[in-house]
Amino acid sequence: MGRVEGKVAFVTGAARGQGRSHALRLAQEGADIIAIDIEDQIDSVPYGMATPDDMAETVRQIEALDRRIVATKADVRDFDEVKAAVDDGVAQLGRLDIVAANAGIVSYGSALDLPEETWQDMMDVNLTGVWHAAKAAIPHLKAGGAGGSIVLTSSVAGLKGLPGLAHYVSAKHGVVGLMRTLALELAPDMIRVNSVHPTSVNTDMIHNAATYALFAPDLPESERTADSLGDRFQTMNALPIKWVEPVDISNAVLFLSSDEARYITGVTLPVDAGSLVK
């Protein structure tokens, strides 16, 4: 029997990357999935975002596990879209037990030089979007009467400052405050709320020209490749690795969502290869 057998999980940003990985890992352990993603581009994001084809691939992989999935194009910045997607998913799948509020973006710039739009997009997706996911899901978790788990994706940047990322750091710190407050507010209903804090993860969010430029401003663009920059990424971590894999974060989400963590709430869980102690 799977560790979340018979449960339903709501995953944001599920079309690819960590979100797809979370959905797959939860499905492998018995959960059905409610999945959303913007499946579109945000102008201030300096890399290509997920597409409808990406979400179709997530659906294919979940269904190949013989699990059910309700996948919807929805923007976490729009509460009405998120709520409609969650309500429809619960209507089709019958319940809601787990939330993985994963959707997020990254962009770069010094605090004084950030355009207003870039700052606001970051807050709207990485903080307000997380609140929207929780807000849409909580009534269903309460209605189930069996408790539940909400896991908010923050970052090592939610626990320390990083230059060139003032907006990202601010949003990810905000996620921690939201998590701690929700943990207190929802404890009487046995709904647990925790956050995960990844270091660099091997996804499109780090493998793009803008991120490579941040790590190697001294190199010509033609020389900025994953292979050539691996050692620079490794300097963030205490363990001698360049980055973690999406499944490493998914395993943490699974643990926090399972009965193995039934009395764990209000926790900031790093999956960071030791970057926070370095």
C-alpha atoms as a PDB file:
ATOM      1  CA  MET A   1       0.000   0.000   0.000  1.00  0.00           C
ATOM      2  CA  GLY A   2       1.317   3.428  -0.957  1.00  0.00           C
ATOM      3  CA  ARG A   3       2.213   6.049   1.605  1.00  0.00           C
ATOM      4  CA  VAL A   4      -0.600   8.365   0.423  1.00  0.00           C
ATOM      5  CA  GLU A   5      -2.908   5.660  -0.935  1.00  0.00           C
ATOM      6  CA  GLY A   6      -6.452   6.809  -1.597  1.00  0.00           C
ATOM      7  CA  LYS A   7      -5.685  10.478  -1.081  1.00  0.00           C
ATOM      8  CA  VAL A   8      -6.007  13.419  -3.465  1.00  0.00           C
ATOM      9  CA  ALA A   9      -3.241  15.986  -3.876  1.00  0.00           C
ATOM     10  CA  PHE A  10      -3.442  19.472  -5.374  1.00  0.00           C
ATOM     11  CA  VAL A  11      -0.177  20.517  -7.067  1.00  0.00           C
ATOM     12  CA  THR A  12       0.507  23.952  -8.537  1.00  0.00           C
ATOM     13  CA  GLY A  13       3.060  24.502 -11.287  1.00  0.00           C
ATOM     14  CA  ALA A  14       2.578  20.863 -12.239  1.00  0.00           C
ATOM     15  CA  ALA A  15       3.358  21.033 -15.966  1.00  0.00           C
ATOM     16  CA  ARG A  16       7.076  20.410 -15.564  1.00  0.00           C
ATOM     17  CA  GLY A  17      10.056  20.649 -13.219  1.00  0.00           C
ATOM     18  CA  GLN A  18       9.513  20.223  -9.502  1.00  0.00           C
ATOM     19  CA  GLY A  19       5.735  20.403  -9.850  1.00  0.00           C
ATOM     20  CA  ARG A  20       5.570  17.494 -12.261  1.00  0.00           C
ATOM     21  CA  SER A  21       7.988  15.576 -10.066  1.00  0.00           C
ATOM     22  CA  HIS A  22       5.821  16.173  -6.971  1.00  0.00           C
ATOM     23  CA  ALA A  23       2.696  15.041  -8.801  1.00  0.00           C
ATOM     24  CA  LEU A  24       4.426  11.891 -10.064  1.00  0.00           C
ATOM     25  CA  ARG A  25       5.946  10.996  -6.713  1.00  0.00           C
ATOM     26  CA  LEU A  26       2.626  11.406  -4.912  1.00  0.00           C
ATOM     27  CA  ALA A  27       0.876   9.388  -7.626  1.00  0.00           C
ATOM     28  CA  GLN A  28       3.484   6.641  -7.329  1.00  0.00           C
ATOM     29  CA  GLU A  29       2.487   6.349  -3.684  1.00  0.00           C
ATOM     30  CA  GLY A  30      -1.226   6.122  -4.419  1.00  0.00           C
ATOM     31  CA  ALA A  31      -2.595   9.674  -4.713  1.00  0.00           C
ATOM     32  CA  ASP A  32      -4.848  11.075  -7.408  1.00  0.00           C
ATOM     33  CA  ILE A  33      -3.861  14.544  -8.602  1.00  0.00           C
ATOM     34  CA  ILE A  34      -5.432  17.948  -9.152  1.00  0.00           C
ATOM     35  CA  ALA A  35      -2.891  19.843 -11.263  1.00  0.00           C
ATOM     36  CA  ILE A  36      -2.693  23.440 -12.423  1.00  0.00           C
ATOM     37  CA  ASP A  37      -0.153  25.504 -14.347  1.00  0.00           C
ATOM     38  CA  ILE A  38      -0.188  28.833 -16.130  1.00  0.00           C
ATOM     39  CA  GLU A  39       1.028  27.111 -19.336  1.00  0.00           C
ATOM     40  CA  ASP A  40       2.030  30.535 -20.619  1.00  0.00           C
ATOM     41  CA  GLN A  41       4.758  33.166 -20.413  1.00  0.00           C
ATOM     42  CA  ILE A  42       5.155  36.036 -17.944  1.00  0.00           C
ATOM     43  CA  ASP A  43       7.019  38.930 -19.564  1.00  0.00           C
ATOM     44  CA  SER A  44       9.433  39.558 -16.683  1.00  0.00           C
ATOM     45  CA  VAL A  45      10.572  35.922 -16.527  1.00  0.00           C
ATOM     46  CA  PRO A  46      13.842  35.546 -18.478  1.00  0.00           C
ATOM     47  CA  TYR A  47      13.370  31.939 -19.596  1.00  0.00           C
ATOM     48  CA  GLY A  48      10.683  29.939 -21.335  1.00  0.00           C
ATOM     49  CA  MET A  49       7.884  28.828 -19.037  1.00  0.00           C
ATOM     50  CA  ALA A  50       5.697  25.727 -19.212  1.00  0.00           C
ATOM     51  CA  THR A  51       3.438  25.040 -22.187  1.00  0.00           C
ATOM     52  CA  PRO A  52       0.232  23.061 -22.778  1.00  0.00           C
ATOM     53  CA  ASP A  53       2.398  20.278 -24.209  1.00  0.00           C
ATOM     54  CA  ASP A  54       4.278  20.120 -20.918  1.00  0.00           C
ATOM     55  CA  MET A  55       1.041  19.663 -19.004  1.00  0.00           C
ATOM     56  CA  ALA A  56      -0.116  17.032 -21.472  1.00  0.00           C
ATOM     57  CA  GLU A  57       3.073  15.104 -20.698  1.00  0.00           C
ATOM     58  CA  THR A  58       2.390  15.359 -16.957  1.00  0.00           C
ATOM     59  CA  VAL A  59      -1.087  13.967 -17.559  1.00  0.00           C
ATOM     60  CA  ARG A  60       0.337  11.137 -19.664  1.00  0.00           C
ATOM     61  CA  GLN A  61       2.830  10.149 -16.983  1.00  0.00           C
ATOM     62  CA  ILE A  62       0.262  10.233 -14.182  1.00  0.00           C
ATOM     63  CA  GLU A  63      -2.229   8.184 -16.170  1.00  0.00           C
ATOM     64  CA  ALA A  64       0.518   5.683 -17.009  1.00  0.00           C
ATOM     65  CA  LEU A  65       0.671   5.025 -13.258  1.00  0.00           C
ATOM     66  CA  ASP A  66      -3.059   4.193 -13.365  1.00  0.00           C
ATOM     67  CA  ARG A  67      -3.892   7.229 -11.254  1.00  0.00           C
ATOM     68  CA  ARG A  68      -6.508   9.856 -11.980  1.00  0.00           C
ATOM     69  CA  ILE A  69      -5.589  13.464 -12.741  1.00  0.00           C
ATOM     70  CA  VAL A  70      -7.650  16.591 -13.309  1.00  0.00           C
ATOM     71  CA  ALA A  71      -5.386  19.089 -15.047  1.00  0.00           C
ATOM     72  CA  THR A  72      -6.386  22.715 -15.600  1.00  0.00           C
ATOM     73  CA  LYS A  73      -4.744  25.751 -17.144  1.00  0.00           C
ATOM     74  CA  ALA A  74      -4.854  28.278 -14.293  1.00  0.00           C
ATOM     75  CA  ASP A  75      -2.751  31.218 -13.168  1.00  0.00           C
ATOM     76  CA  VAL A  76      -1.982  31.254  -9.436  1.00  0.00           C
ATOM     77  CA  ARG A  77      -2.134  35.054  -9.538  1.00  0.00           C
ATOM     78  CA  ASP A  78      -5.883  34.783 -10.205  1.00  0.00           C
ATOM     79  CA  PHE A  79      -7.710  33.410  -7.163  1.00  0.00           C
ATOM     80  CA  ASP A  80     -10.936  32.773  -9.067  1.00  0.00           C
ATOM     81  CA  GLU A  81      -9.087  30.562 -11.560  1.00  0.00           C
ATOM     82  CA  VAL A  82      -7.355  28.635  -8.794  1.00  0.00           C
ATOM     83  CA  LYS A  83     -10.550  28.161  -6.812  1.00  0.00           C
ATOM     84  CA  ALA A  84     -12.483  26.981  -9.868  1.00  0.00           C
ATOM     85  CA  ALA A  85      -9.776  24.443 -10.664  1.00  0.00           C
ATOM     86  CA  VAL A  86      -9.660  23.091  -7.113  1.00  0.00           C
ATOM     87  CA  ASP A  87     -13.453  22.976  -6.800  1.00  0.00           C
ATOM     88  CA  ASP A  88     -13.732  21.087 -10.094  1.00  0.00           C
ATOM     89  CA  GLY A  89     -10.960  18.684  -9.142  1.00  0.00           C
ATOM     90  CA  VAL A  90     -12.584  17.882  -5.811  1.00  0.00           C
ATOM     91  CA  ALA A  91     -15.962  17.432  -7.519  1.00  0.00           C
ATOM     92  CA  GLN A  92     -14.411  14.871  -9.886  1.00  0.00           C
ATOM     93  CA  LEU A  93     -12.081  13.091  -7.463  1.00  0.00           C
ATOM     94  CA  GLY A  94     -14.222  13.279  -4.358  1.00  0.00           C
ATOM     95  CA  ARG A  95     -11.894  14.763  -1.740  1.00  0.00           C
ATOM     96  CA  LEU A  96      -8.745  16.730  -1.006  1.00  0.00           C
ATOM     97  CA  ASP A  97      -6.015  15.752   1.452  1.00  0.00           C
ATOM     98  CA  ILE A  98      -2.707  17.235   0.300  1.00  0.00           C
ATOM     99  CA  VAL A  99      -1.581  20.574  -1.129  1.00  0.00           C
ATOM    100  CA  ALA A 100       1.823  21.137  -2.754  1.00  0.00           C
ATOM    101  CA  ALA A 101       1.961  24.874  -3.459  1.00  0.00           C
ATOM    102  CA  ASN A 102       4.960  24.721  -5.761  1.00  0.00           C
ATOM    103  CA  ALA A 103       4.392  27.221  -8.591  1.00  0.00           C
ATOM    104  CA  GLY A 104       7.137  29.818  -8.757  1.00  0.00           C
ATOM    105  CA  ILE A 105       9.332  31.964 -10.980  1.00  0.00           C
ATOM    106  CA  VAL A 106      12.779  33.515 -10.747  1.00  0.00           C
ATOM    107  CA  SER A 107      14.402  36.593 -12.252  1.00  0.00           C
ATOM    108  CA  TYR A 108      17.437  38.669 -11.360  1.00  0.00           C
ATOM    109  CA  GLY A 109      18.574  42.207 -10.690  1.00  0.00           C
ATOM    110  CA  SER A 110      19.948  44.408  -7.938  1.00  0.00           C
ATOM    111  CA  ALA A 111      17.325  45.746  -5.538  1.00  0.00           C
ATOM    112  CA  LEU A 112      17.691  49.329  -6.737  1.00  0.00           C
ATOM    113  CA  ASP A 113      17.467  48.409 -10.409  1.00  0.00           C
ATOM    114  CA  LEU A 114      14.463  46.066 -10.353  1.00  0.00           C
ATOM    115  CA  PRO A 115      11.612  47.298 -12.547  1.00  0.00           C
ATOM    116  CA  GLU A 116       8.316  47.661 -10.715  1.00  0.00           C
ATOM    117  CA  GLU A 117       6.741  45.009 -12.940  1.00  0.00           C
ATOM    118  CA  THR A 118       9.475  42.493 -12.140  1.00  0.00           C
ATOM    119  CA  TRP A 119       9.055  43.020  -8.390  1.00  0.00           C
ATOM    120  CA  GLN A 120       5.277  42.780  -8.588  1.00  0.00           C
ATOM    121  CA  ASP A 121       5.245  39.667 -10.786  1.00  0.00           C
ATOM    122  CA  MET A 122       7.513  37.956  -8.264  1.00  0.00           C
ATOM    123  CA  MET A 123       5.267  38.829  -5.323  1.00  0.00           C
ATOM    124  CA  ASP A 124       2.136  37.893  -7.226  1.00  0.00           C
ATOM    125  CA  VAL A 125       3.385  34.435  -8.217  1.00  0.00           C
ATOM    126  CA  ASN A 126       5.765  33.375  -5.446  1.00  0.00           C
ATOM    127  CA  LEU A 127       3.853  34.717  -2.450  1.00  0.00           C
ATOM    128  CA  THR A 128       0.298  35.688  -3.366  1.00  0.00           C
ATOM    129  CA  GLY A 129       0.046  32.614  -5.594  1.00  0.00           C
ATOM    130  CA  VAL A 130       0.984  30.378  -2.669  1.00  0.00           C
ATOM    131  CA  TRP A 131      -1.670  32.062  -0.522  1.00  0.00           C
ATOM    132  CA  HIS A 132      -4.228  31.590  -3.290  1.00  0.00           C
ATOM    133  CA  ALA A 133      -3.467  27.874  -3.482  1.00  0.00           C
ATOM    134  CA  ALA A 134      -3.890  27.470   0.259  1.00  0.00           C
ATOM    135  CA  LYS A 135      -6.987  29.680   0.401  1.00  0.00           C
ATOM    136  CA  ALA A 136      -8.702  27.682  -2.348  1.00  0.00           C
ATOM    137  CA  ALA A 137      -7.810  24.334  -0.789  1.00  0.00           C
ATOM    138  CA  ILE A 138      -8.415  24.893   2.924  1.00  0.00           C
ATOM    139  CA  PRO A 139     -12.236  24.719   2.809  1.00  0.00           C
ATOM    140  CA  HIS A 140     -12.005  21.299   1.151  1.00  0.00           C
ATOM    141  CA  LEU A 141      -9.396  20.055   3.639  1.00  0.00           C
ATOM    142  CA  LYS A 142     -11.627  21.156   6.510  1.00  0.00           C
ATOM    143  CA  ALA A 143     -14.724  19.644   4.919  1.00  0.00           C
ATOM    144  CA  GLY A 144     -13.003  16.263   4.755  1.00  0.00           C
ATOM    145  CA  GLY A 145     -12.757  16.188   8.527  1.00  0.00           C
ATOM    146  CA  ALA A 146      -9.609  14.051   8.462  1.00  0.00           C
ATOM    147  CA  GLY A 147      -6.922  16.714   8.688  1.00  0.00           C
ATOM    148  CA  GLY A 148      -4.446  17.084   5.861  1.00  0.00           C
ATOM    149  CA  SER A 149      -1.108  18.445   4.777  1.00  0.00           C
ATOM    150  CA  ILE A 150      -0.106  21.673   3.072  1.00  0.00           C
ATOM    151  CA  VAL A 151       3.487  21.947   1.837  1.00  0.00           C
ATOM    152  CA  LEU A 152       4.642  25.357   0.624  1.00  0.00           C
ATOM    153  CA  THR A 153       7.693  25.550  -1.618  1.00  0.00           C
ATOM    154  CA  SER A 154      10.095  28.201  -0.389  1.00  0.00           C
ATOM    155  CA  SER A 155      13.867  28.124  -1.000  1.00  0.00           C
ATOM    156  CA  VAL A 156      17.165  28.481   0.781  1.00  0.00           C
ATOM    157  CA  ALA A 157      16.470  32.091  -0.163  1.00  0.00           C
ATOM    158  CA  GLY A 158      13.550  31.938   2.239  1.00  0.00           C
ATOM    159  CA  LEU A 159      16.015  31.519   5.103  1.00  0.00           C
ATOM    160  CA  LYS A 160      18.927  33.736   4.047  1.00  0.00           C
ATOM    161  CA  GLY A 161      19.687  36.688   1.805  1.00  0.00           C
ATOM    162  CA  LEU A 162      21.173  36.355  -1.683  1.00  0.00           C
ATOM    163  CA  PRO A 163      22.468  39.256  -3.810  1.00  0.00           C
ATOM    164  CA  GLY A 164      20.673  39.945  -7.067  1.00  0.00           C
ATOM    165  CA  LEU A 165      17.485  38.354  -5.770  1.00  0.00           C
ATOM    166  CA  ALA A 166      15.869  40.897  -3.444  1.00  0.00           C
ATOM    167  CA  HIS A 167      12.370  40.285  -4.825  1.00  0.00           C
ATOM    168  CA  TYR A 168      12.757  36.498  -4.825  1.00  0.00           C
ATOM    169  CA  VAL A 169      14.246  36.457  -1.317  1.00  0.00           C
ATOM    170  CA  SER A 170      11.473  38.709  -0.026  1.00  0.00           C
ATOM    171  CA  ALA A 171       8.738  36.522  -1.506  1.00  0.00           C
ATOM    172  CA  LYS A 172      10.302  33.299  -0.250  1.00  0.00           C
ATOM    173  CA  HIS A 173      10.751  34.740   3.250  1.00  0.00           C
ATOM    174  CA  GLY A 174       7.079  35.728   3.064  1.00  0.00           C
ATOM    175  CA  VAL A 175       6.162  32.107   2.358  1.00  0.00           C
ATOM    176  CA  VAL A 176       7.731  31.139   5.680  1.00  0.00           C
ATOM    177  CA  GLY A 177       5.624  33.688   7.543  1.00  0.00           C
ATOM    178  CA  LEU A 178       2.511  32.453   5.767  1.00  0.00           C
ATOM    179  CA  MET A 179       3.386  28.841   6.607  1.00  0.00           C
ATOM    180  CA  ARG A 180       3.903  29.547  10.296  1.00  0.00           C
ATOM    181  CA  THR A 181       0.635  31.447  10.592  1.00  0.00           C
ATOM    182  CA  LEU A 182      -1.372  28.821   8.706  1.00  0.00           C
ATOM    183  CA  ALA A 183       0.169  26.101  10.874  1.00  0.00           C
ATOM    184  CA  LEU A 184      -1.271  27.818  13.940  1.00  0.00           C
ATOM    185  CA  GLU A 185      -4.634  28.653  12.401  1.00  0.00           C
ATOM    186  CA  LEU A 186      -5.225  25.163  11.006  1.00  0.00           C
ATOM    187  CA  ALA A 187      -3.846  23.076  13.853  1.00  0.00           C
ATOM    188  CA  PRO A 188      -7.276  22.665  15.516  1.00  0.00           C
ATOM    189  CA  ASP A 189      -8.416  20.906  12.331  1.00  0.00           C
ATOM    190  CA  MET A 190      -5.332  18.626  12.298  1.00  0.00           C
ATOM    191  CA  ILE A 191      -4.198  20.259   9.059  1.00  0.00           C
ATOM    192  CA  ARG A 192      -0.413  20.460   9.064  1.00  0.00           C
ATOM    193  CA  VAL A 193       1.478  23.186   7.225  1.00  0.00           C
ATOM    194  CA  ASN A 194       5.211  23.071   6.468  1.00  0.00           C
ATOM    195  CA  SER A 195       7.657  24.540   3.965  1.00  0.00           C
ATOM    196  CA  VAL A 196      10.484  22.996   1.950  1.00  0.00           C
ATOM    197  CA  HIS A 197      13.658  24.917   1.124  1.00  0.00           C
ATOM    198  CA  PRO A 198      15.615  23.636  -1.882  1.00  0.00           C
ATOM    199  CA  THR A 199      19.068  24.659  -2.989  1.00  0.00           C
ATOM    200  CA  SER A 200      19.556  24.792  -6.795  1.00  0.00           C
ATOM    201  CA  VAL A 201      17.421  22.109  -8.447  1.00  0.00           C
ATOM    202  CA  ASN A 202      18.163  20.516 -11.819  1.00  0.00           C
ATOM    203  CA  THR A 203      15.290  22.115 -13.756  1.00  0.00           C
ATOM    204  CA  ASP A 204      14.738  24.772 -16.416  1.00  0.00           C
ATOM    205  CA  MET A 205      14.603  27.383 -13.653  1.00  0.00           C
ATOM    206  CA  ILE A 206      18.390  27.177 -13.274  1.00  0.00           C
ATOM    207  CA  HIS A 207      19.331  25.891 -16.721  1.00  0.00           C
ATOM    208  CA  ASN A 208      18.835  29.062 -18.705  1.00  0.00           C
ATOM    209  CA  ALA A 209      20.940  31.945 -19.958  1.00  0.00           C
ATOM    210  CA  ALA A 210      19.844  34.400 -17.241  1.00  0.00           C
ATOM    211  CA  THR A 211      20.821  32.089 -14.380  1.00  0.00           C
ATOM    212  CA  TYR A 212      24.083  31.147 -16.037  1.00  0.00           C
ATOM    213  CA  ALA A 213      24.900  34.854 -16.410  1.00  0.00           C
ATOM    214  CA  LEU A 214      24.344  35.357 -12.673  1.00  0.00           C
ATOM    215  CA  PHE A 215      26.830  32.618 -11.842  1.00  0.00           C
ATOM    216  CA  ALA A 216      29.377  33.485 -14.530  1.00  0.00           C
ATOM    217  CA  PRO A 217      29.249  37.175 -15.458  1.00  0.00           C
ATOM    218  CA  ASP A 218      32.958  36.976 -16.312  1.00  0.00           C
ATOM    219  CA  LEU A 219      32.509  34.351 -19.058  1.00  0.00           C
ATOM    220  CA  PRO A 220      31.379  34.940 -22.639  1.00  0.00           C
ATOM    221  CA  GLU A 221      27.833  33.730 -23.184  1.00  0.00           C
ATOM    222  CA  SER A 222      29.053  30.972 -25.515  1.00  0.00           C
ATOM    223  CA  GLU A 223      31.042  29.450 -22.645  1.00  0.00           C
ATOM    224  CA  ARG A 224      28.190  29.421 -20.140  1.00  0.00           C
ATOM    225  CA  THR A 225      27.016  25.811 -20.166  1.00  0.00           C
ATOM    226  CA  ALA A 226      25.779  23.393 -17.504  1.00  0.00           C
ATOM    227  CA  ASP A 227      29.034  21.472 -17.712  1.00  0.00           C
ATOM    228  CA  SER A 228      31.272  24.517 -17.459  1.00  0.00           C
ATOM    229  CA  LEU A 229      29.292  26.125 -14.630  1.00  0.00           C
ATOM    230  CA  GLY A 230      28.762  23.063 -12.491  1.00  0.00           C
ATOM    231  CA  ASP A 231      31.660  23.914 -10.195  1.00  0.00           C
ATOM    232  CA  ARG A 232      30.228  27.389  -9.606  1.00  0.00           C
ATOM    233  CA  PHE A 233      26.846  25.998  -8.624  1.00  0.00           C
ATOM    234  CA  GLN A 234      28.659  23.568  -6.331  1.00  0.00           C
ATOM    235  CA  THR A 235      30.158  26.446  -4.340  1.00  0.00           C
ATOM    236  CA  MET A 236      26.695  27.069  -2.873  1.00  0.00           C
ATOM    237  CA  ASN A 237      26.559  23.652  -1.250  1.00  0.00           C
ATOM    238  CA  ALA A 238      28.476  21.976   1.557  1.00  0.00           C
ATOM    239  CA  LEU A 239      28.074  18.542  -0.012  1.00  0.00           C
ATOM    240  CA  PRO A 240      30.191  18.188  -3.175  1.00  0.00           C
ATOM    241  CA  ILE A 241      27.295  18.296  -5.643  1.00  0.00           C
ATOM    242  CA  LYS A 242      26.244  20.840  -8.266  1.00  0.00           C
ATOM    243  CA  TRP A 243      22.517  20.690  -7.647  1.00  0.00           C
ATOM    244  CA  VAL A 244      19.831  18.369  -6.337  1.00  0.00           C
ATOM    245  CA  GLU A 245      17.277  16.562  -8.495  1.00  0.00           C
ATOM    246  CA  PRO A 246      13.536  17.359  -8.506  1.00  0.00           C
ATOM    247  CA  VAL A 247      12.766  13.987  -6.920  1.00  0.00           C
ATOM    248  CA  ASP A 248      14.876  14.954  -3.910  1.00  0.00           C
ATOM    249  CA  ILE A 249      12.411  17.742  -3.181  1.00  0.00           C
ATOM    250  CA  SER A 250       9.480  15.497  -4.061  1.00  0.00           C
ATOM    251  CA  ASN A 251      10.592  12.940  -1.502  1.00  0.00           C
ATOM    252  CA  ALA A 252      10.476  15.646   1.167  1.00  0.00           C
ATOM    253  CA  VAL A 253       7.012  16.724   0.004  1.00  0.00           C
ATOM    254  CA  LEU A 254       5.876  13.092   0.117  1.00  0.00           C
ATOM    255  CA  PHE A 255       7.222  12.603   3.634  1.00  0.00           C
ATOM    256  CA  LEU A 256       5.549  15.767   4.931  1.00  0.00           C
ATOM    257  CA  SER A 257       2.302  14.711   3.226  1.00  0.00           C
ATOM    258  CA  SER A 258       2.304  11.192   4.641  1.00  0.00           C
ATOM    259  CA  ASP A 259       1.252   9.844   8.016  1.00  0.00           C
ATOM    260  CA  GLU A 260       4.945   9.439   8.808  1.00  0.00           C
ATOM    261  CA  ALA A 261       4.894  13.196   9.472  1.00  0.00           C
ATOM    262  CA  ARG A 262       1.494  13.247  11.171  1.00  0.00           C
ATOM    263  CA  TYR A 263       2.690  15.412  14.062  1.00  0.00           C
ATOM    264  CA  ILE A 264       5.087  17.638  12.112  1.00  0.00           C
ATOM    265  CA  THR A 265       3.801  21.137  11.490  1.00  0.00           C
ATOM    266  CA  GLY A 266       5.282  24.625  11.311  1.00  0.00           C
ATOM    267  CA  VAL A 267       8.642  23.278  10.103  1.00  0.00           C
ATOM    268  CA  THR A 268      11.069  24.792   7.576  1.00  0.00           C
ATOM    269  CA  LEU A 269      12.676  21.726   5.976  1.00  0.00           C
ATOM    270  CA  PRO A 270      15.826  22.409   3.932  1.00  0.00           C
ATOM    271  CA  VAL A 271      16.774  20.067   1.106  1.00  0.00           C
ATOM    272  CA  ASP A 272      19.864  22.052   0.425  1.00  0.00           C
ATOM    273  CA  ALA A 273      23.008  19.876   0.371  1.00  0.00           C
ATOM    274  CA  GLY A 274      24.183  21.834   3.396  1.00  0.00           C
ATOM    275  CA  SER A 275      24.094  25.267   1.750  1.00  0.00           C
ATOM    276  CA  LEU A 276      22.488  26.895   4.793  1.00  0.00           C
ATOM    277  CA  VAL A 277      25.305  25.784   7.122  1.00  0.00           C
ATOM    278  CA  LYS A 278      28.084  26.747   4.732  1.00  0.00           C
END
